[in-house]
Amino acid sequence: MDKILLVDDDDAMRGMLKMRLSDEYETIDTGNPVQALELALQHKPRAILLDLMMPDCSGFELCQSFHNLSYTARIPIFVVSGESAGKYTEYMKSLGAAGYFEKPIDFAKLKARLKTELQSRPQERRTHTRVRMHLTIKLKGSDVAQRSFEQLTTTENVSAGGFLCPLSVDLSESSNLQVFLSGAGRELYVGAVRVVRRENTGTPGQRYAFRFVERTSDWILQD
């Protein structure tokens, strides 16, 4: 049974959502928006239902956080709010929301929309949680012509098992590279990686996904 995360500071509303959705989904809920991100990473929900007006952290901020975090970016977020859809729908779309439902909720439409959205988005299976974290790294190795190179680059998509970064060098899928964290006038060896995916080949936006084959305890994330 697919999991749905409910984020709403109204206890009665969360109770109603759980009751009306429990026949088709396993629900995890919280009235604390600060806890919502932790629950999303822990339970890996297929969709998130999100209220807008909450204390401490608004639904606007939380929607943007979900959308910006690599691991949760592909989870569809549906706003469930007492605020007018006409007032906020387009803005919420710009923050990454997949849909907007005004309270009182039309549960038939909500269930139909959830079903359609989840069928169109295969569930992602990742060994490691990816997070947005800006790092400057240096890669050293050999290109497809066996020419040695070293190149400084950056990544904002990292996990305990690897990272995604732009790189202008042509590499084969069997390429193994040394990785160094760079900053504060020094370089720190953190392991060796191999290519697992190449994107935007031959363009200025070319980038590679790398997976560690050897990793030291100095890498920024650990299992």
N, C-alpha and C. Protein backbone atom coordinates (compact mmCIF):
# COMPACT_ATOMS: atom_id res chain seq x y z
N MET A 1 0.85 -1.19 0.00
CA MET A 1 0.00 0.00 0.00
C MET A 1 0.89 1.24 0.00
N ASP A 2 0.63 2.17 -0.93
CA ASP A 2 1.43 3.38 -1.02
C ASP A 2 1.26 4.27 0.21
N LYS A 3 2.34 4.96 0.58
CA LYS A 3 2.30 5.86 1.73
C LYS A 3 2.04 7.31 1.27
N ILE A 4 1.22 8.01 2.06
CA ILE A 4 0.95 9.42 1.84
C ILE A 4 1.30 10.18 3.12
N LEU A 5 2.05 11.26 2.98
CA LEU A 5 2.39 12.10 4.12
C LEU A 5 1.40 13.26 4.20
N LEU A 6 0.77 13.43 5.37
CA LEU A 6 -0.18 14.51 5.62
C LEU A 6 0.46 15.54 6.54
N VAL A 7 0.50 16.79 6.10
CA VAL A 7 1.10 17.85 6.90
C VAL A 7 0.07 18.96 7.10
N ASP A 8 -0.49 19.03 8.31
CA ASP A 8 -1.54 20.02 8.61
C ASP A 8 -1.59 20.19 10.12
N ASP A 9 -1.59 21.44 10.59
CA ASP A 9 -1.61 21.66 12.04
C ASP A 9 -3.01 21.53 12.64
N ASP A 10 -4.02 21.29 11.81
CA ASP A 10 -5.39 21.08 12.27
C ASP A 10 -5.61 19.60 12.54
N ASP A 11 -5.69 19.22 13.81
CA ASP A 11 -5.85 17.80 14.18
C ASP A 11 -7.08 17.19 13.54
N ALA A 12 -8.20 17.92 13.53
CA ALA A 12 -9.44 17.39 12.98
C ALA A 12 -9.31 17.13 11.48
N MET A 13 -8.65 18.03 10.79
CA MET A 13 -8.46 17.84 9.35
C MET A 13 -7.57 16.64 9.06
N ARG A 14 -6.50 16.49 9.83
CA ARG A 14 -5.63 15.32 9.63
C ARG A 14 -6.41 14.04 9.89
N GLY A 15 -7.25 14.06 10.92
CA GLY A 15 -8.06 12.89 11.23
C GLY A 15 -9.01 12.55 10.10
N MET A 16 -9.61 13.56 9.49
CA MET A 16 -10.53 13.32 8.38
C MET A 16 -9.79 12.79 7.15
N LEU A 17 -8.62 13.39 6.86
CA LEU A 17 -7.83 12.92 5.73
C LEU A 17 -7.42 11.46 5.91
N LYS A 18 -6.98 11.11 7.11
CA LYS A 18 -6.58 9.73 7.39
C LYS A 18 -7.76 8.78 7.20
N MET A 19 -8.92 9.17 7.72
CA MET A 19 -10.11 8.31 7.64
C MET A 19 -10.54 8.11 6.18
N ARG A 20 -10.53 9.18 5.39
CA ARG A 20 -11.03 9.09 4.03
C ARG A 20 -10.05 8.47 3.04
N LEU A 21 -8.77 8.45 3.41
CA LEU A 21 -7.75 7.90 2.51
C LEU A 21 -7.25 6.52 2.92
N SER A 22 -7.58 6.09 4.13
CA SER A 22 -7.01 4.86 4.69
C SER A 22 -7.42 3.59 3.95
N ASP A 23 -8.49 3.66 3.16
CA ASP A 23 -8.90 2.47 2.41
C ASP A 23 -7.98 2.19 1.22
N GLU A 24 -7.21 3.21 0.80
CA GLU A 24 -6.34 3.05 -0.36
C GLU A 24 -4.87 3.34 -0.08
N TYR A 25 -4.60 4.06 1.03
CA TYR A 25 -3.23 4.48 1.30
C TYR A 25 -2.87 4.30 2.77
N GLU A 26 -1.58 4.07 3.00
CA GLU A 26 -1.06 4.13 4.37
C GLU A 26 -0.68 5.58 4.62
N THR A 27 -1.21 6.16 5.69
CA THR A 27 -0.97 7.59 5.94
C THR A 27 -0.01 7.79 7.11
N ILE A 28 0.90 8.72 6.93
CA ILE A 28 1.77 9.21 8.00
C ILE A 28 1.42 10.68 8.15
N ASP A 29 1.25 11.16 9.37
CA ASP A 29 0.81 12.54 9.50
C ASP A 29 1.58 13.28 10.60
N THR A 30 1.61 14.59 10.45
CA THR A 30 2.21 15.45 11.46
C THR A 30 1.56 16.82 11.41
N GLY A 31 1.45 17.44 12.58
CA GLY A 31 0.99 18.81 12.67
C GLY A 31 2.14 19.78 12.78
N ASN A 32 3.34 19.24 12.75
CA ASN A 32 4.57 20.04 12.91
C ASN A 32 5.31 20.11 11.58
N PRO A 33 5.25 21.23 10.87
CA PRO A 33 5.91 21.33 9.57
C PRO A 33 7.42 21.13 9.64
N VAL A 34 8.02 21.44 10.77
CA VAL A 34 9.46 21.25 10.91
C VAL A 34 9.81 19.76 10.89
N GLN A 35 8.90 18.92 11.39
CA GLN A 35 9.12 17.47 11.41
C GLN A 35 8.82 16.83 10.06
N ALA A 36 8.12 17.53 9.19
CA ALA A 36 7.64 16.94 7.94
C ALA A 36 8.77 16.45 7.04
N LEU A 37 9.84 17.24 6.93
CA LEU A 37 10.95 16.85 6.07
C LEU A 37 11.61 15.58 6.59
N GLU A 38 11.78 15.48 7.88
CA GLU A 38 12.35 14.28 8.49
C GLU A 38 11.49 13.06 8.19
N LEU A 39 10.17 13.21 8.29
CA LEU A 39 9.26 12.09 8.02
C LEU A 39 9.31 11.69 6.54
N ALA A 40 9.44 12.68 5.66
CA ALA A 40 9.51 12.37 4.24
C ALA A 40 10.75 11.56 3.91
N LEU A 41 11.87 11.92 4.51
CA LEU A 41 13.12 11.18 4.27
C LEU A 41 13.06 9.79 4.90
N GLN A 42 12.39 9.68 6.04
CA GLN A 42 12.32 8.41 6.75
C GLN A 42 11.35 7.43 6.08
N HIS A 43 10.17 7.90 5.67
CA HIS A 43 9.12 7.01 5.19
C HIS A 43 9.01 6.94 3.67
N LYS A 44 9.64 7.85 2.96
CA LYS A 44 9.63 7.83 1.50
C LYS A 44 8.20 7.76 0.94
N PRO A 45 7.35 8.73 1.24
CA PRO A 45 5.96 8.68 0.77
C PRO A 45 5.88 8.84 -0.75
N ARG A 46 4.78 8.34 -1.34
CA ARG A 46 4.55 8.51 -2.76
C ARG A 46 3.96 9.87 -3.08
N ALA A 47 3.30 10.50 -2.09
CA ALA A 47 2.72 11.83 -2.30
C ALA A 47 2.65 12.54 -0.96
N ILE A 48 2.53 13.87 -1.01
CA ILE A 48 2.44 14.70 0.20
C ILE A 48 1.23 15.61 0.07
N LEU A 49 0.38 15.63 1.11
CA LEU A 49 -0.73 16.58 1.18
C LEU A 49 -0.34 17.64 2.20
N LEU A 50 -0.37 18.91 1.77
CA LEU A 50 0.25 19.98 2.53
C LEU A 50 -0.68 21.16 2.74
N ASP A 51 -0.87 21.55 4.00
CA ASP A 51 -1.60 22.77 4.32
C ASP A 51 -0.66 23.96 4.11
N LEU A 52 -1.24 25.13 3.89
CA LEU A 52 -0.42 26.31 3.67
C LEU A 52 -0.13 27.12 4.92
N MET A 53 -1.16 27.39 5.72
CA MET A 53 -1.00 28.29 6.85
C MET A 53 -0.74 27.51 8.13
N MET A 54 0.53 27.41 8.52
CA MET A 54 0.93 26.68 9.71
C MET A 54 1.95 27.50 10.48
N PRO A 55 2.05 27.28 11.78
CA PRO A 55 3.04 28.02 12.58
C PRO A 55 4.45 27.51 12.32
N ASP A 56 5.43 28.30 12.66
CA ASP A 56 6.86 27.95 12.59
C ASP A 56 7.40 27.91 11.16
N CYS A 57 6.70 27.19 10.28
CA CYS A 57 7.17 27.06 8.90
C CYS A 57 5.95 26.95 8.00
N SER A 58 5.75 27.88 7.11
CA SER A 58 4.54 27.87 6.28
C SER A 58 4.63 26.78 5.21
N GLY A 59 3.46 26.46 4.65
CA GLY A 59 3.43 25.49 3.56
C GLY A 59 4.20 25.97 2.34
N PHE A 60 4.28 27.28 2.16
CA PHE A 60 5.05 27.84 1.04
C PHE A 60 6.53 27.44 1.18
N GLU A 61 7.07 27.68 2.35
CA GLU A 61 8.48 27.36 2.60
C GLU A 61 8.73 25.85 2.51
N LEU A 62 7.80 25.08 3.08
CA LEU A 62 7.98 23.63 3.10
C LEU A 62 7.88 23.03 1.71
N CYS A 63 6.95 23.53 0.90
CA CYS A 63 6.82 23.05 -0.48
C CYS A 63 8.11 23.29 -1.24
N GLN A 64 8.68 24.46 -1.08
CA GLN A 64 9.93 24.78 -1.76
C GLN A 64 11.08 23.90 -1.27
N SER A 65 11.11 23.62 0.03
CA SER A 65 12.15 22.75 0.58
C SER A 65 12.04 21.34 0.01
N PHE A 66 10.81 20.81 -0.04
CA PHE A 66 10.61 19.48 -0.63
C PHE A 66 11.06 19.47 -2.09
N HIS A 67 10.73 20.51 -2.81
CA HIS A 67 11.04 20.56 -4.24
C HIS A 67 12.54 20.72 -4.48
N ASN A 68 13.24 21.39 -3.59
CA ASN A 68 14.67 21.65 -3.78
C ASN A 68 15.56 20.50 -3.31
N LEU A 69 15.04 19.67 -2.42
CA LEU A 69 15.83 18.54 -1.92
C LEU A 69 15.77 17.42 -2.95
N SER A 70 16.92 16.97 -3.39
CA SER A 70 16.97 16.01 -4.48
C SER A 70 16.11 14.78 -4.22
N TYR A 71 16.17 14.24 -3.02
CA TYR A 71 15.44 13.00 -2.77
C TYR A 71 13.93 13.19 -2.81
N THR A 72 13.43 14.32 -2.35
CA THR A 72 11.98 14.54 -2.30
C THR A 72 11.45 15.34 -3.49
N ALA A 73 12.33 15.77 -4.39
CA ALA A 73 11.91 16.66 -5.48
C ALA A 73 10.87 16.02 -6.40
N ARG A 74 10.91 14.69 -6.54
CA ARG A 74 9.98 14.03 -7.45
C ARG A 74 8.69 13.55 -6.77
N ILE A 75 8.56 13.78 -5.47
CA ILE A 75 7.33 13.40 -4.78
C ILE A 75 6.26 14.45 -5.09
N PRO A 76 5.11 14.06 -5.65
CA PRO A 76 4.07 15.05 -5.94
C PRO A 76 3.49 15.64 -4.66
N ILE A 77 3.38 16.96 -4.64
CA ILE A 77 2.85 17.68 -3.47
C ILE A 77 1.51 18.29 -3.85
N PHE A 78 0.48 17.98 -3.05
CA PHE A 78 -0.85 18.54 -3.27
C PHE A 78 -1.20 19.45 -2.10
N VAL A 79 -1.46 20.70 -2.42
CA VAL A 79 -1.86 21.66 -1.40
C VAL A 79 -3.32 21.40 -1.04
N VAL A 80 -3.60 21.31 0.26
CA VAL A 80 -4.96 21.16 0.78
C VAL A 80 -5.17 22.31 1.75
N SER A 81 -5.90 23.33 1.33
CA SER A 81 -5.93 24.57 2.10
C SER A 81 -7.30 25.24 2.07
N GLY A 82 -7.54 26.00 3.12
CA GLY A 82 -8.74 26.83 3.18
C GLY A 82 -8.57 28.12 2.40
N GLU A 83 -7.35 28.40 1.94
CA GLU A 83 -7.08 29.59 1.14
C GLU A 83 -7.57 29.41 -0.29
N SER A 84 -7.98 30.49 -0.92
CA SER A 84 -8.53 30.44 -2.28
C SER A 84 -7.54 29.88 -3.28
N ALA A 85 -8.00 28.91 -4.08
CA ALA A 85 -7.14 28.33 -5.12
C ALA A 85 -6.74 29.39 -6.14
N GLY A 86 -7.68 30.28 -6.47
CA GLY A 86 -7.38 31.32 -7.44
C GLY A 86 -6.27 32.23 -7.00
N LYS A 87 -6.11 32.38 -5.71
CA LYS A 87 -5.11 33.28 -5.16
C LYS A 87 -3.72 32.69 -5.17
N TYR A 88 -3.61 31.35 -4.97
CA TYR A 88 -2.29 30.77 -4.75
C TYR A 88 -1.88 29.65 -5.71
N THR A 89 -2.80 29.16 -6.56
CA THR A 89 -2.49 27.99 -7.39
C THR A 89 -1.23 28.18 -8.23
N GLU A 90 -1.16 29.26 -8.99
CA GLU A 90 -0.01 29.46 -9.87
C GLU A 90 1.28 29.63 -9.09
N TYR A 91 1.20 30.34 -7.97
CA TYR A 91 2.40 30.53 -7.16
C TYR A 91 2.90 29.20 -6.61
N MET A 92 1.96 28.35 -6.14
CA MET A 92 2.36 27.06 -5.60
C MET A 92 2.94 26.15 -6.69
N LYS A 93 2.42 26.26 -7.90
CA LYS A 93 3.00 25.50 -9.01
C LYS A 93 4.46 25.91 -9.23
N SER A 94 4.73 27.20 -9.10
CA SER A 94 6.10 27.68 -9.29
C SER A 94 7.03 27.17 -8.20
N LEU A 95 6.46 26.78 -7.06
CA LEU A 95 7.26 26.23 -5.96
C LEU A 95 7.35 24.71 -6.03
N GLY A 96 6.67 24.11 -7.01
CA GLY A 96 6.79 22.67 -7.21
C GLY A 96 5.55 21.87 -6.89
N ALA A 97 4.43 22.50 -6.51
CA ALA A 97 3.22 21.75 -6.18
C ALA A 97 2.58 21.16 -7.44
N ALA A 98 2.04 19.94 -7.30
CA ALA A 98 1.41 19.27 -8.44
C ALA A 98 -0.07 19.57 -8.54
N GLY A 99 -0.70 20.04 -7.47
CA GLY A 99 -2.13 20.30 -7.49
C GLY A 99 -2.56 21.11 -6.29
N TYR A 100 -3.80 21.62 -6.34
CA TYR A 100 -4.31 22.48 -5.27
C TYR A 100 -5.77 22.11 -5.03
N PHE A 101 -6.13 21.81 -3.77
CA PHE A 101 -7.50 21.47 -3.38
C PHE A 101 -7.94 22.37 -2.24
N GLU A 102 -9.05 23.05 -2.46
CA GLU A 102 -9.60 23.91 -1.43
C GLU A 102 -10.41 23.09 -0.42
N LYS A 103 -10.38 23.53 0.85
CA LYS A 103 -11.25 22.95 1.87
C LYS A 103 -12.61 23.65 1.79
N PRO A 104 -13.74 22.95 1.96
CA PRO A 104 -13.86 21.51 2.20
C PRO A 104 -13.47 20.70 0.95
N ILE A 105 -12.84 19.58 1.18
CA ILE A 105 -12.22 18.81 0.11
C ILE A 105 -13.24 17.94 -0.63
N ASP A 106 -13.14 17.92 -1.92
CA ASP A 106 -13.88 16.97 -2.75
C ASP A 106 -13.02 15.70 -2.80
N PHE A 107 -13.30 14.74 -1.94
CA PHE A 107 -12.43 13.56 -1.81
C PHE A 107 -12.43 12.69 -3.06
N ALA A 108 -13.53 12.67 -3.81
CA ALA A 108 -13.56 11.89 -5.04
C ALA A 108 -12.54 12.45 -6.04
N LYS A 109 -12.49 13.76 -6.17
CA LYS A 109 -11.52 14.40 -7.07
C LYS A 109 -10.10 14.22 -6.55
N LEU A 110 -9.92 14.34 -5.24
CA LEU A 110 -8.58 14.17 -4.65
C LEU A 110 -8.05 12.76 -4.90
N LYS A 111 -8.90 11.76 -4.66
CA LYS A 111 -8.46 10.37 -4.87
C LYS A 111 -8.15 10.10 -6.33
N ALA A 112 -8.98 10.64 -7.22
CA ALA A 112 -8.75 10.44 -8.65
C ALA A 112 -7.44 11.08 -9.08
N ARG A 113 -7.18 12.26 -8.56
CA ARG A 113 -5.93 12.97 -8.91
C ARG A 113 -4.72 12.25 -8.36
N LEU A 114 -4.81 11.76 -7.13
CA LEU A 114 -3.71 10.99 -6.55
C LEU A 114 -3.43 9.74 -7.37
N LYS A 115 -4.48 9.02 -7.74
CA LYS A 115 -4.32 7.79 -8.51
C LYS A 115 -3.64 8.06 -9.84
N THR A 116 -4.08 9.09 -10.54
CA THR A 116 -3.50 9.44 -11.84
C THR A 116 -2.03 9.83 -11.70
N GLU A 117 -1.75 10.63 -10.70
CA GLU A 117 -0.38 11.12 -10.51
C GLU A 117 0.57 9.99 -10.15
N LEU A 118 0.16 9.11 -9.26
CA LEU A 118 1.05 8.04 -8.82
C LEU A 118 1.26 7.00 -9.91
N GLN A 119 0.25 6.78 -10.75
CA GLN A 119 0.43 5.84 -11.86
C GLN A 119 1.39 6.39 -12.90
N SER A 120 1.47 7.71 -13.00
CA SER A 120 2.35 8.33 -14.01
C SER A 120 3.78 8.51 -13.50
N ARG A 121 3.99 8.26 -12.20
CA ARG A 121 5.33 8.45 -11.62
C ARG A 121 5.79 7.14 -10.99
N PRO A 122 6.60 6.36 -11.69
CA PRO A 122 7.13 5.12 -11.10
C PRO A 122 7.87 5.43 -9.81
N GLN A 123 7.76 4.54 -8.84
CA GLN A 123 8.41 4.77 -7.56
C GLN A 123 9.92 4.68 -7.71
N GLU A 124 10.61 5.68 -7.20
CA GLU A 124 12.07 5.68 -7.24
C GLU A 124 12.62 4.79 -6.14
N ARG A 125 13.65 4.05 -6.51
CA ARG A 125 14.31 3.19 -5.53
C ARG A 125 15.78 3.58 -5.47
N ARG A 126 16.16 4.20 -4.40
CA ARG A 126 17.53 4.63 -4.23
C ARG A 126 18.14 4.00 -3.00
N THR A 127 19.37 3.60 -3.17
CA THR A 127 20.07 3.01 -2.03
C THR A 127 20.41 4.07 -1.00
N HIS A 128 20.75 5.28 -1.47
CA HIS A 128 21.14 6.36 -0.57
C HIS A 128 20.27 7.59 -0.79
N THR A 129 19.96 8.28 0.27
CA THR A 129 19.23 9.53 0.18
C THR A 129 20.13 10.63 -0.35
N ARG A 130 19.65 11.35 -1.37
CA ARG A 130 20.41 12.45 -1.93
C ARG A 130 19.96 13.76 -1.30
N VAL A 131 20.90 14.65 -1.08
CA VAL A 131 20.59 15.95 -0.49
C VAL A 131 21.27 17.05 -1.31
N ARG A 132 20.70 18.25 -1.24
CA ARG A 132 21.33 19.40 -1.87
C ARG A 132 22.38 19.98 -0.92
N MET A 133 23.61 19.95 -1.36
CA MET A 133 24.72 20.45 -0.55
C MET A 133 25.81 20.92 -1.49
N HIS A 134 26.17 22.18 -1.43
CA HIS A 134 27.17 22.73 -2.35
C HIS A 134 28.57 22.34 -1.91
N LEU A 135 29.28 21.63 -2.80
CA LEU A 135 30.65 21.22 -2.52
C LEU A 135 31.53 21.53 -3.71
N THR A 136 32.76 21.94 -3.43
CA THR A 136 33.77 22.09 -4.47
C THR A 136 34.66 20.86 -4.41
N ILE A 137 34.80 20.20 -5.55
CA ILE A 137 35.59 18.96 -5.58
C ILE A 137 36.57 18.99 -6.75
N LYS A 138 37.63 18.23 -6.61
CA LYS A 138 38.57 18.04 -7.70
C LYS A 138 38.56 16.57 -8.09
N LEU A 139 38.47 16.32 -9.41
CA LEU A 139 38.50 14.95 -9.93
C LEU A 139 39.79 14.74 -10.72
N LYS A 140 40.44 13.62 -10.48
CA LYS A 140 41.67 13.27 -11.18
C LYS A 140 41.53 11.88 -11.78
N GLY A 141 42.01 11.74 -13.03
CA GLY A 141 41.95 10.43 -13.67
C GLY A 141 42.37 10.52 -15.11
N SER A 142 41.81 9.62 -15.96
CA SER A 142 42.12 9.59 -17.38
C SER A 142 40.84 9.63 -18.19
N ASP A 143 40.87 10.34 -19.34
CA ASP A 143 39.68 10.43 -20.19
C ASP A 143 39.61 9.22 -21.13
N VAL A 144 38.67 9.26 -22.12
CA VAL A 144 38.49 8.11 -23.01
C VAL A 144 39.73 7.85 -23.87
N ALA A 145 40.55 8.88 -24.09
CA ALA A 145 41.78 8.73 -24.88
C ALA A 145 42.97 8.39 -23.99
N GLN A 146 42.69 8.09 -22.72
CA GLN A 146 43.73 7.75 -21.75
C GLN A 146 44.69 8.90 -21.47
N ARG A 147 44.20 10.12 -21.64
CA ARG A 147 44.99 11.29 -21.26
C ARG A 147 44.68 11.65 -19.81
N SER A 148 45.71 11.88 -19.04
CA SER A 148 45.52 12.23 -17.63
C SER A 148 44.94 13.64 -17.53
N PHE A 149 44.08 13.85 -16.56
CA PHE A 149 43.52 15.18 -16.35
C PHE A 149 43.22 15.35 -14.87
N GLU A 150 43.05 16.59 -14.46
CA GLU A 150 42.47 16.92 -13.17
C GLU A 150 41.63 18.17 -13.38
N GLN A 151 40.42 18.17 -12.80
CA GLN A 151 39.51 19.27 -13.04
C GLN A 151 38.74 19.61 -11.77
N LEU A 152 38.66 20.90 -11.51
CA LEU A 152 37.89 21.41 -10.38
C LEU A 152 36.45 21.62 -10.83
N THR A 153 35.51 21.16 -10.04
CA THR A 153 34.09 21.33 -10.36
C THR A 153 33.31 21.48 -9.07
N THR A 154 32.00 21.59 -9.20
CA THR A 154 31.14 21.70 -8.01
C THR A 154 29.97 20.72 -8.14
N THR A 155 29.38 20.39 -7.01
CA THR A 155 28.18 19.57 -6.99
C THR A 155 27.22 20.13 -5.96
N GLU A 156 25.92 19.98 -6.24
CA GLU A 156 24.90 20.32 -5.25
C GLU A 156 23.95 19.15 -5.06
N ASN A 157 24.40 17.96 -5.52
CA ASN A 157 23.57 16.76 -5.46
C ASN A 157 24.45 15.62 -4.96
N VAL A 158 24.39 15.34 -3.67
CA VAL A 158 25.30 14.37 -3.07
C VAL A 158 24.56 13.35 -2.23
N SER A 159 25.18 12.21 -2.04
CA SER A 159 24.67 11.19 -1.14
C SER A 159 25.87 10.50 -0.50
N ALA A 160 25.61 9.57 0.38
CA ALA A 160 26.70 8.80 0.97
C ALA A 160 27.40 7.96 -0.08
N GLY A 161 26.67 7.62 -1.14
CA GLY A 161 27.23 6.72 -2.14
C GLY A 161 27.76 7.37 -3.40
N GLY A 162 27.56 8.69 -3.57
CA GLY A 162 28.04 9.31 -4.79
C GLY A 162 27.59 10.74 -4.94
N PHE A 163 27.65 11.25 -6.18
CA PHE A 163 27.29 12.65 -6.44
C PHE A 163 27.09 12.85 -7.94
N LEU A 164 26.48 13.98 -8.28
CA LEU A 164 26.23 14.39 -9.66
C LEU A 164 26.92 15.73 -9.87
N CYS A 165 27.70 15.87 -10.95
CA CYS A 165 28.41 17.14 -11.15
C CYS A 165 28.69 17.38 -12.62
N PRO A 166 28.83 18.66 -13.01
CA PRO A 166 29.23 18.98 -14.39
C PRO A 166 30.71 18.66 -14.60
N LEU A 167 31.04 18.20 -15.81
CA LEU A 167 32.42 17.87 -16.12
C LEU A 167 32.56 17.91 -17.64
N SER A 168 33.52 18.67 -18.14
CA SER A 168 33.67 18.83 -19.59
C SER A 168 34.47 17.71 -20.24
N VAL A 169 35.11 16.87 -19.45
CA VAL A 169 35.96 15.80 -19.97
C VAL A 169 35.10 14.64 -20.49
N ASP A 170 35.57 13.97 -21.57
CA ASP A 170 34.89 12.78 -22.07
C ASP A 170 35.39 11.55 -21.31
N LEU A 171 34.45 10.86 -20.68
CA LEU A 171 34.79 9.68 -19.87
C LEU A 171 34.01 8.47 -20.37
N SER A 172 34.60 7.30 -20.19
CA SER A 172 33.88 6.06 -20.49
C SER A 172 33.16 5.61 -19.21
N GLU A 173 32.21 4.68 -19.38
CA GLU A 173 31.46 4.21 -18.21
C GLU A 173 32.33 3.39 -17.26
N SER A 174 33.48 2.96 -17.73
CA SER A 174 34.38 2.19 -16.87
C SER A 174 35.42 3.07 -16.17
N SER A 175 35.35 4.38 -16.43
CA SER A 175 36.35 5.29 -15.85
C SER A 175 36.28 5.32 -14.33
N ASN A 176 37.43 5.21 -13.70
CA ASN A 176 37.55 5.38 -12.25
C ASN A 176 38.38 6.64 -11.99
N LEU A 177 37.85 7.50 -11.11
CA LEU A 177 38.52 8.77 -10.81
C LEU A 177 38.76 8.91 -9.32
N GLN A 178 39.81 9.65 -8.98
CA GLN A 178 40.05 10.02 -7.59
C GLN A 178 39.29 11.30 -7.28
N VAL A 179 38.77 11.39 -6.06
CA VAL A 179 37.95 12.53 -5.66
C VAL A 179 38.59 13.22 -4.47
N PHE A 180 38.68 14.56 -4.55
CA PHE A 180 39.23 15.37 -3.46
C PHE A 180 38.25 16.49 -3.13
N LEU A 181 37.98 16.69 -1.86
CA LEU A 181 37.26 17.88 -1.43
C LEU A 181 38.23 19.04 -1.46
N SER A 182 37.78 20.19 -2.01
CA SER A 182 38.67 21.33 -2.17
C SER A 182 38.10 22.53 -1.44
N GLY A 183 38.94 23.22 -0.68
CA GLY A 183 38.49 24.41 0.03
C GLY A 183 39.49 24.83 1.08
N ALA A 184 39.44 26.09 1.47
CA ALA A 184 40.32 26.64 2.50
C ALA A 184 41.79 26.39 2.19
N GLY A 185 42.13 26.42 0.89
CA GLY A 185 43.53 26.30 0.49
C GLY A 185 44.09 24.90 0.58
N ARG A 186 43.22 23.88 0.70
CA ARG A 186 43.75 22.52 0.78
C ARG A 186 42.83 21.55 0.07
N GLU A 187 43.35 20.35 -0.23
CA GLU A 187 42.58 19.29 -0.85
C GLU A 187 42.63 18.06 0.03
N LEU A 188 41.48 17.40 0.16
CA LEU A 188 41.36 16.25 1.03
C LEU A 188 40.84 15.07 0.23
N TYR A 189 41.64 14.02 0.14
CA TYR A 189 41.24 12.82 -0.61
C TYR A 189 40.07 12.13 0.10
N VAL A 190 38.99 11.87 -0.64
CA VAL A 190 37.81 11.25 -0.02
C VAL A 190 37.41 9.93 -0.67
N GLY A 191 38.11 9.52 -1.73
CA GLY A 191 37.81 8.22 -2.31
C GLY A 191 37.96 8.16 -3.81
N ALA A 192 37.47 7.05 -4.38
CA ALA A 192 37.50 6.83 -5.83
C ALA A 192 36.08 6.53 -6.30
N VAL A 193 35.75 7.02 -7.51
CA VAL A 193 34.40 6.85 -8.05
C VAL A 193 34.47 6.29 -9.46
N ARG A 194 33.32 5.74 -9.90
CA ARG A 194 33.19 5.35 -11.30
C ARG A 194 31.93 5.98 -11.88
N VAL A 195 31.90 6.11 -13.19
CA VAL A 195 30.77 6.72 -13.88
C VAL A 195 29.59 5.74 -13.89
N VAL A 196 28.41 6.22 -13.52
CA VAL A 196 27.21 5.39 -13.62
C VAL A 196 26.17 5.98 -14.59
N ARG A 197 26.32 7.26 -14.92
CA ARG A 197 25.37 7.89 -15.86
C ARG A 197 25.97 9.17 -16.42
N ARG A 198 25.60 9.47 -17.66
CA ARG A 198 26.06 10.70 -18.31
C ARG A 198 24.83 11.45 -18.84
N GLU A 199 24.76 12.75 -18.61
CA GLU A 199 23.61 13.55 -19.03
C GLU A 199 24.06 14.71 -19.91
N ASN A 200 23.18 15.12 -20.84
CA ASN A 200 23.44 16.28 -21.71
C ASN A 200 24.77 16.17 -22.43
N THR A 201 25.01 15.00 -22.99
CA THR A 201 26.29 14.71 -23.64
C THR A 201 26.63 15.73 -24.73
N GLY A 202 27.86 16.21 -24.69
CA GLY A 202 28.36 17.10 -25.73
C GLY A 202 27.84 18.52 -25.67
N THR A 203 27.18 18.89 -24.60
CA THR A 203 26.66 20.25 -24.45
C THR A 203 27.39 20.94 -23.29
N PRO A 204 27.24 22.27 -23.17
CA PRO A 204 27.86 22.96 -22.03
C PRO A 204 27.31 22.47 -20.69
N GLY A 205 26.12 21.85 -20.71
CA GLY A 205 25.53 21.34 -19.48
C GLY A 205 25.86 19.89 -19.20
N GLN A 206 26.84 19.33 -19.89
CA GLN A 206 27.20 17.93 -19.69
C GLN A 206 27.57 17.66 -18.23
N ARG A 207 27.04 16.58 -17.69
CA ARG A 207 27.37 16.22 -16.31
C ARG A 207 27.33 14.71 -16.15
N TYR A 208 27.97 14.25 -15.09
CA TYR A 208 28.08 12.82 -14.81
C TYR A 208 27.56 12.51 -13.41
N ALA A 209 26.98 11.32 -13.30
CA ALA A 209 26.66 10.77 -11.99
C ALA A 209 27.76 9.77 -11.64
N PHE A 210 28.32 9.91 -10.45
CA PHE A 210 29.41 9.05 -10.00
C PHE A 210 29.00 8.27 -8.76
N ARG A 211 29.50 7.06 -8.66
CA ARG A 211 29.27 6.23 -7.48
C ARG A 211 30.62 5.84 -6.88
N PHE A 212 30.71 5.92 -5.55
CA PHE A 212 31.97 5.56 -4.90
C PHE A 212 32.24 4.06 -5.00
N VAL A 213 33.48 3.73 -5.36
CA VAL A 213 33.95 2.34 -5.27
C VAL A 213 34.89 2.20 -4.08
N GLU A 214 35.35 3.35 -3.61
CA GLU A 214 36.18 3.41 -2.40
C GLU A 214 35.90 4.77 -1.76
N ARG A 215 35.69 4.78 -0.45
CA ARG A 215 35.33 6.04 0.20
C ARG A 215 35.96 6.11 1.58
N THR A 216 36.54 7.27 1.90
CA THR A 216 37.14 7.45 3.21
C THR A 216 36.12 8.05 4.16
N SER A 217 36.45 8.09 5.43
CA SER A 217 35.57 8.66 6.43
C SER A 217 35.48 10.19 6.34
N ASP A 218 36.27 10.78 5.44
CA ASP A 218 36.26 12.24 5.27
C ASP A 218 35.18 12.71 4.28
N TRP A 219 34.54 11.77 3.55
CA TRP A 219 33.44 12.19 2.68
C TRP A 219 32.35 12.79 3.54
N ILE A 220 31.65 13.78 2.99
CA ILE A 220 30.74 14.63 3.75
C ILE A 220 29.54 13.88 4.32
N LEU A 221 29.12 12.78 3.67
CA LEU A 221 28.00 11.97 4.14
C LEU A 221 28.44 10.53 4.29
N GLN A 222 27.95 9.89 5.34
CA GLN A 222 28.27 8.49 5.61
C GLN A 222 26.96 7.69 5.74
N ASP A 223 27.02 6.39 5.54
CA ASP A 223 25.83 5.53 5.69
C ASP A 223 25.34 5.55 7.11
